[in-house]
Amino acid sequence: MIYKLLTTFLVLLFTTEILQAQLISWRDLIDGDLPQPTERIYYGADSLQFGDLWLPDDEPHTTVILIHGGCWFDIYPGVEIMNYMAEALRRNGFAVWNIEYRRLGHDGGGYPGTFQDAAIGADYLREIAGKFYLNLNRVIASGHSAGGHLATWLAAKKNLPDSSPLYGENLINIHAVISLAGINDLERYASYGSSSCGENTVERLIDLEGRGENAFLDTSPVNLLPLGVPFVEVTAAFDAPVPPFFGNHFVNAAKEAGDDATLLLQPKAGHFEMITPWSDEWEEVLELFQTILD
């Protein structure tokens, strides 16, 4: 009897923790009067090829390439879901380049368009750096969920073979990566965790049917290690879409490849607390941005 009561108590306690951890959803991040960027700038001809630039009051000490998530799908919010985070970084002296890109469901989304947009958008910083006094000697790539994958991929892009359609030269230099619940091993996620994003989402993203197993080689960061720059993966204990074992696995792989890689586990958080400036978890994330290049 005592054993049953204890078990029931532990289950209730654990369930309560989960419910508390999941209070923040993506809808909370797009409600109300959102803070607005300094300027919207197009890096391509498509209506979705733009970035929102957020400038601090003083000359920026660091530039952040920020990429939103949403399962690489058009049905979820775009750049606006990162507006609160971008504003918080701006207030702390960062210049933020919040990139929009074509996703699954958009004309040109998927492979190679999604990846090309992320790369062209990031590289476009060089075109606007002079006008806006951006510091390109301190560039952090960061993204959330599917955006974490793209941010990490940007840092790994220099390792692409020149046979890949995604290969490019004269890339923007990225000096550190902060991946927020990033999906950085696409094959592993497709096999074990992609149901949160829908059936065959990763496979569609990389055109697995048309390209075969090699489709992972130029799209999945774990296949492009080492990154060669400091890397931090922020993961949350109660993250249903991207459970923490994905982040742990990638950090271990990066370390084995010789990278300076760190895992930050947030024990009481879900998927969105880490990008929510009014959460306790945000303070940990902000500290990472302030210290990762020091």
Protein backbone atom coordinates (compact mmCIF):
# COMPACT_ATOMS: atom_id res chain seq x y z
CA MET A 1 0.00 0.00 0.00
CA ILE A 2 2.78 2.39 0.98
CA TYR A 3 4.62 1.53 -2.24
CA LYS A 4 1.50 2.34 -4.32
CA LEU A 5 1.03 5.66 -2.52
CA LEU A 6 4.67 6.58 -3.03
CA THR A 7 4.47 5.68 -6.72
CA THR A 8 1.31 7.76 -7.15
CA PHE A 9 2.94 10.70 -5.39
CA LEU A 10 6.03 10.53 -7.61
CA VAL A 11 3.92 10.33 -10.76
CA LEU A 12 1.87 13.35 -9.67
CA LEU A 13 5.02 15.27 -8.78
CA PHE A 14 6.62 14.49 -12.13
CA THR A 15 3.43 15.39 -14.01
CA THR A 16 3.20 18.69 -12.14
CA GLU A 17 6.78 19.51 -13.12
CA ILE A 18 5.98 18.80 -16.76
CA LEU A 19 2.85 20.95 -16.70
CA GLN A 20 4.74 23.82 -15.10
CA ALA A 21 7.56 23.47 -17.63
CA GLN A 22 5.23 23.67 -20.60
CA LEU A 23 3.47 26.93 -19.70
CA ILE A 24 5.13 28.80 -22.55
CA SER A 25 4.08 27.97 -26.10
CA TRP A 26 4.88 29.51 -29.46
CA ARG A 27 1.58 31.38 -29.31
CA ASP A 28 2.81 33.28 -26.26
CA LEU A 29 5.69 34.60 -28.37
CA ILE A 30 3.53 36.13 -31.10
CA ASP A 31 0.72 37.58 -28.96
CA GLY A 32 0.36 41.26 -28.15
CA ASP A 33 2.24 44.24 -29.52
CA LEU A 34 5.49 42.71 -30.63
CA PRO A 35 8.67 44.78 -30.52
CA GLN A 36 9.69 45.82 -34.02
CA PRO A 37 13.08 45.70 -35.79
CA THR A 38 15.13 48.67 -36.85
CA GLU A 39 14.83 47.77 -40.50
CA ARG A 40 13.69 44.98 -42.84
CA ILE A 41 16.18 44.25 -45.62
CA TYR A 42 15.77 41.87 -48.55
CA TYR A 43 18.69 39.64 -49.45
CA GLY A 44 16.94 38.09 -52.48
CA ALA A 45 14.12 38.58 -54.97
CA ASP A 46 11.58 36.30 -53.27
CA SER A 47 9.18 37.88 -50.79
CA LEU A 48 10.48 35.51 -48.09
CA GLN A 49 14.15 36.29 -48.66
CA PHE A 50 14.63 38.99 -46.06
CA GLY A 51 16.10 39.65 -42.68
CA ASP A 52 15.02 41.91 -39.84
CA LEU A 53 17.90 43.99 -38.49
CA TRP A 54 17.85 45.01 -34.83
CA LEU A 55 20.39 47.66 -33.82
CA PRO A 56 21.35 48.69 -30.29
CA ASP A 57 21.55 52.32 -29.28
CA ASP A 58 25.36 52.24 -29.29
CA GLU A 59 27.69 50.66 -31.82
CA PRO A 60 27.16 46.88 -31.57
CA HIS A 61 29.90 44.84 -29.94
CA THR A 62 28.74 41.54 -31.48
CA THR A 63 26.53 40.50 -34.39
CA VAL A 64 24.04 37.64 -34.03
CA ILE A 65 22.65 35.71 -36.98
CA LEU A 66 19.30 34.51 -35.62
CA ILE A 67 17.17 31.83 -37.27
CA HIS A 68 13.67 30.83 -36.20
CA GLY A 69 12.35 27.28 -36.06
CA GLY A 70 9.00 25.70 -36.77
CA CYS A 71 9.84 22.25 -38.15
CA TRP A 72 11.05 23.86 -41.41
CA PHE A 73 7.32 24.25 -42.24
CA ASP A 74 5.37 27.22 -43.59
CA ILE A 75 2.41 26.56 -41.28
CA TYR A 76 4.25 27.95 -38.25
CA PRO A 77 5.21 31.57 -37.49
CA GLY A 78 8.29 33.06 -39.14
CA VAL A 79 10.75 35.69 -37.95
CA GLU A 80 8.20 37.26 -35.61
CA ILE A 81 8.47 34.38 -33.16
CA MET A 82 12.01 35.59 -32.39
CA ASN A 83 11.09 39.28 -31.99
CA TYR A 84 11.12 39.26 -28.18
CA MET A 85 14.48 37.50 -28.12
CA ALA A 86 15.92 39.83 -30.76
CA GLU A 87 14.79 42.86 -28.78
CA ALA A 88 16.31 41.49 -25.58
CA LEU A 89 19.64 40.97 -27.34
CA ARG A 90 19.44 44.42 -28.91
CA ARG A 91 18.95 46.00 -25.50
CA ASN A 92 22.13 44.24 -24.36
CA GLY A 93 24.29 45.70 -27.13
CA PHE A 94 23.99 43.06 -29.84
CA ALA A 95 23.14 43.68 -33.47
CA VAL A 96 20.68 40.97 -34.54
CA TRP A 97 20.10 39.78 -38.11
CA ASN A 98 16.89 37.73 -37.84
CA ILE A 99 16.59 35.75 -41.07
CA GLU A 100 13.46 34.61 -42.86
CA TYR A 101 13.73 31.77 -45.37
CA ARG A 102 11.61 29.58 -47.61
CA ARG A 103 10.30 26.48 -45.89
CA LEU A 104 8.41 23.33 -46.75
CA GLY A 105 5.13 24.45 -48.26
CA HIS A 106 6.65 27.55 -49.84
CA ASP A 107 7.64 27.66 -53.50
CA GLY A 108 11.33 26.85 -53.51
CA GLY A 109 11.38 25.54 -49.95
CA GLY A 110 13.10 22.30 -48.95
CA TYR A 111 16.26 21.20 -50.70
CA PRO A 112 18.17 23.16 -51.80
CA GLY A 113 16.16 26.38 -51.29
CA THR A 114 15.86 26.38 -47.49
CA PHE A 115 19.59 25.85 -47.10
CA GLN A 116 20.51 28.34 -49.81
CA ASP A 117 18.34 31.00 -48.22
CA ALA A 118 19.99 30.52 -44.83
CA ALA A 119 23.44 30.73 -46.41
CA ILE A 120 22.73 33.70 -48.69
CA GLY A 121 20.94 35.51 -45.89
CA ALA A 122 23.88 35.02 -43.53
CA ASP A 123 26.44 36.05 -46.14
CA TYR A 124 24.42 39.19 -46.88
CA LEU A 125 25.69 40.64 -43.63
CA ARG A 126 28.80 41.67 -45.54
CA GLU A 127 26.64 43.80 -47.84
CA ILE A 128 25.09 45.78 -45.00
CA ALA A 129 27.90 45.75 -42.42
CA GLY A 130 29.41 49.06 -43.49
CA LYS A 131 26.17 51.00 -43.56
CA PHE A 132 25.09 49.80 -40.12
CA TYR A 133 28.53 49.56 -38.43
CA LEU A 134 28.15 45.85 -37.80
CA ASN A 135 30.99 44.02 -36.10
CA LEU A 136 31.90 41.08 -38.34
CA ASN A 137 34.85 40.11 -36.15
CA ARG A 138 32.42 38.76 -33.54
CA VAL A 139 29.59 36.83 -35.21
CA ILE A 140 27.44 34.32 -33.34
CA ALA A 141 25.08 32.04 -35.26
CA SER A 142 22.07 31.02 -33.22
CA GLY A 143 18.71 29.46 -33.89
CA HIS A 144 15.87 27.64 -32.20
CA SER A 145 14.78 24.08 -33.02
CA ALA A 146 14.82 23.78 -36.84
CA GLY A 147 16.56 27.16 -36.81
CA GLY A 148 19.19 25.73 -34.48
CA HIS A 149 19.88 23.13 -37.14
CA LEU A 150 20.34 25.83 -39.78
CA ALA A 151 22.55 27.96 -37.52
CA THR A 152 24.82 25.01 -36.78
CA TRP A 153 24.81 24.05 -40.44
CA LEU A 154 26.03 27.56 -41.34
CA ALA A 155 29.10 27.05 -39.17
CA ALA A 156 29.67 23.60 -40.72
CA LYS A 157 29.10 24.78 -44.29
CA LYS A 158 32.82 25.36 -44.85
CA ASN A 159 33.26 21.57 -44.73
CA LEU A 160 30.93 20.89 -47.65
CA PRO A 161 32.43 19.11 -50.66
CA ASP A 162 32.53 21.26 -53.79
CA SER A 163 30.32 18.66 -55.48
CA SER A 164 27.34 19.72 -53.33
CA PRO A 165 24.80 22.20 -54.75
CA LEU A 166 25.08 23.91 -51.36
CA TYR A 167 28.81 24.50 -51.63
CA GLY A 168 29.92 28.11 -51.55
CA GLU A 169 33.05 30.22 -51.29
CA ASN A 170 33.83 33.47 -49.47
CA LEU A 171 31.48 32.57 -46.62
CA ILE A 172 30.68 34.85 -43.72
CA ASN A 173 32.96 34.01 -40.80
CA ILE A 174 31.08 32.57 -37.84
CA HIS A 175 32.96 32.67 -34.56
CA ALA A 176 30.57 30.72 -32.28
CA VAL A 177 27.28 28.83 -32.35
CA ILE A 178 24.52 28.79 -29.75
CA SER A 179 22.02 26.12 -30.75
CA LEU A 180 18.73 26.35 -28.86
CA ALA A 181 17.07 22.93 -28.93
CA GLY A 182 18.70 22.45 -32.31
CA ILE A 183 18.02 19.40 -34.49
CA ASN A 184 21.61 18.79 -35.51
CA ASP A 185 21.54 15.11 -36.42
CA LEU A 186 18.83 14.86 -39.06
CA GLU A 187 19.06 11.12 -39.60
CA ARG A 188 18.76 10.42 -35.89
CA TYR A 189 15.82 12.81 -35.58
CA ALA A 190 14.08 11.26 -38.58
CA SER A 191 14.45 7.81 -37.03
CA TYR A 192 13.43 8.59 -33.46
CA GLY A 193 11.96 12.02 -32.92
CA SER A 194 10.51 13.61 -36.02
CA SER A 195 6.89 12.73 -35.23
CA SER A 196 6.51 16.08 -33.46
CA CYS A 197 7.17 17.73 -36.80
CA GLY A 198 5.02 15.32 -38.79
CA GLU A 199 5.70 12.22 -40.80
CA ASN A 200 8.63 12.31 -43.25
CA THR A 201 9.41 15.95 -42.55
CA VAL A 202 13.19 15.54 -42.50
CA GLU A 203 13.03 13.26 -45.51
CA ARG A 204 11.12 15.93 -47.45
CA LEU A 205 13.44 18.69 -46.27
CA ILE A 206 16.55 17.01 -47.66
CA ASP A 207 14.84 15.28 -50.62
CA LEU A 208 15.79 11.84 -49.37
CA GLU A 209 13.66 10.11 -52.01
CA GLY A 210 15.37 11.88 -54.87
CA ARG A 211 18.90 11.97 -53.47
CA GLY A 212 19.20 8.76 -51.47
CA GLU A 213 21.17 8.29 -48.26
CA ASN A 214 23.78 10.82 -49.39
CA ALA A 215 21.14 13.49 -48.76
CA PHE A 216 22.24 13.63 -45.12
CA LEU A 217 25.87 14.34 -45.97
CA ASP A 218 25.50 17.99 -46.96
CA THR A 219 22.48 18.87 -44.80
CA SER A 220 23.06 17.36 -41.36
CA PRO A 221 25.64 19.10 -39.13
CA VAL A 222 26.69 15.86 -37.46
CA ASN A 223 28.01 14.72 -40.84
CA LEU A 224 30.01 17.93 -41.31
CA LEU A 225 32.00 18.05 -38.08
CA PRO A 226 34.21 19.56 -36.80
CA LEU A 227 32.72 23.03 -36.60
CA GLY A 228 36.01 24.57 -35.52
CA VAL A 229 34.32 27.21 -33.33
CA PRO A 230 32.91 27.21 -29.77
CA PHE A 231 29.53 25.49 -29.69
CA VAL A 232 26.85 25.35 -27.01
CA GLU A 233 23.69 23.30 -27.20
CA VAL A 234 20.90 24.46 -24.89
CA THR A 235 18.42 21.71 -24.19
CA ALA A 236 15.45 21.35 -21.85
CA ALA A 237 14.41 18.43 -19.70
CA PHE A 238 10.74 18.69 -20.70
CA ASP A 239 11.22 19.51 -24.37
CA ALA A 240 8.74 17.27 -26.19
CA PRO A 241 9.58 18.25 -29.81
CA VAL A 242 13.37 17.92 -29.30
CA PRO A 243 14.12 15.75 -26.25
CA PRO A 244 17.46 16.45 -24.55
CA PHE A 245 19.14 13.23 -25.66
CA PHE A 246 19.43 14.69 -29.17
CA GLY A 247 21.49 17.60 -27.91
CA ASN A 248 23.60 15.37 -25.70
CA HIS A 249 24.35 13.05 -28.61
CA PHE A 250 25.43 15.89 -30.88
CA VAL A 251 27.64 17.53 -28.27
CA ASN A 252 29.41 14.21 -27.69
CA ALA A 253 29.92 13.79 -31.44
CA ALA A 254 31.30 17.32 -31.71
CA LYS A 255 33.71 16.70 -28.83
CA GLU A 256 34.90 13.48 -30.44
CA ALA A 257 35.58 15.48 -33.61
CA GLY A 258 37.74 17.89 -31.61
CA ASP A 259 35.29 20.74 -31.09
CA ASP A 260 34.90 22.91 -28.02
CA ALA A 261 31.32 21.82 -27.38
CA THR A 262 29.15 22.23 -24.30
CA LEU A 263 25.68 21.05 -23.29
CA LEU A 264 23.50 23.29 -21.11
CA LEU A 265 20.52 21.41 -19.68
CA GLN A 266 17.63 23.47 -18.34
CA PRO A 267 15.99 21.11 -15.84
CA LYS A 268 12.57 22.77 -15.47
CA ALA A 269 11.96 24.03 -19.00
CA GLY A 270 10.12 23.03 -22.13
CA HIS A 271 10.76 23.88 -25.76
CA PHE A 272 10.19 27.65 -25.71
CA GLU A 273 11.38 28.98 -22.35
CA MET A 274 14.93 29.36 -23.67
CA ILE A 275 13.84 31.98 -26.24
CA THR A 276 11.45 33.79 -23.91
CA PRO A 277 13.01 36.85 -22.26
CA TRP A 278 10.58 36.85 -19.32
CA SER A 279 11.51 33.29 -18.31
CA ASP A 280 14.17 32.36 -15.75
CA GLU A 281 15.87 30.22 -18.38
CA TRP A 282 16.47 33.23 -20.62
CA GLU A 283 18.99 34.65 -18.16
CA GLU A 284 21.18 31.58 -18.71
CA VAL A 285 20.89 31.99 -22.47
CA LEU A 286 21.73 35.69 -22.36
CA GLU A 287 24.82 34.93 -20.31
CA LEU A 288 25.95 32.51 -23.01
CA PHE A 289 25.70 35.24 -25.64
CA GLN A 290 27.67 37.59 -23.41
CA THR A 291 30.49 35.16 -22.64
CA ILE A 292 30.88 32.64 -25.46
CA LEU A 293 33.43 34.76 -27.35
CA ASP A 294 35.35 35.95 -24.28
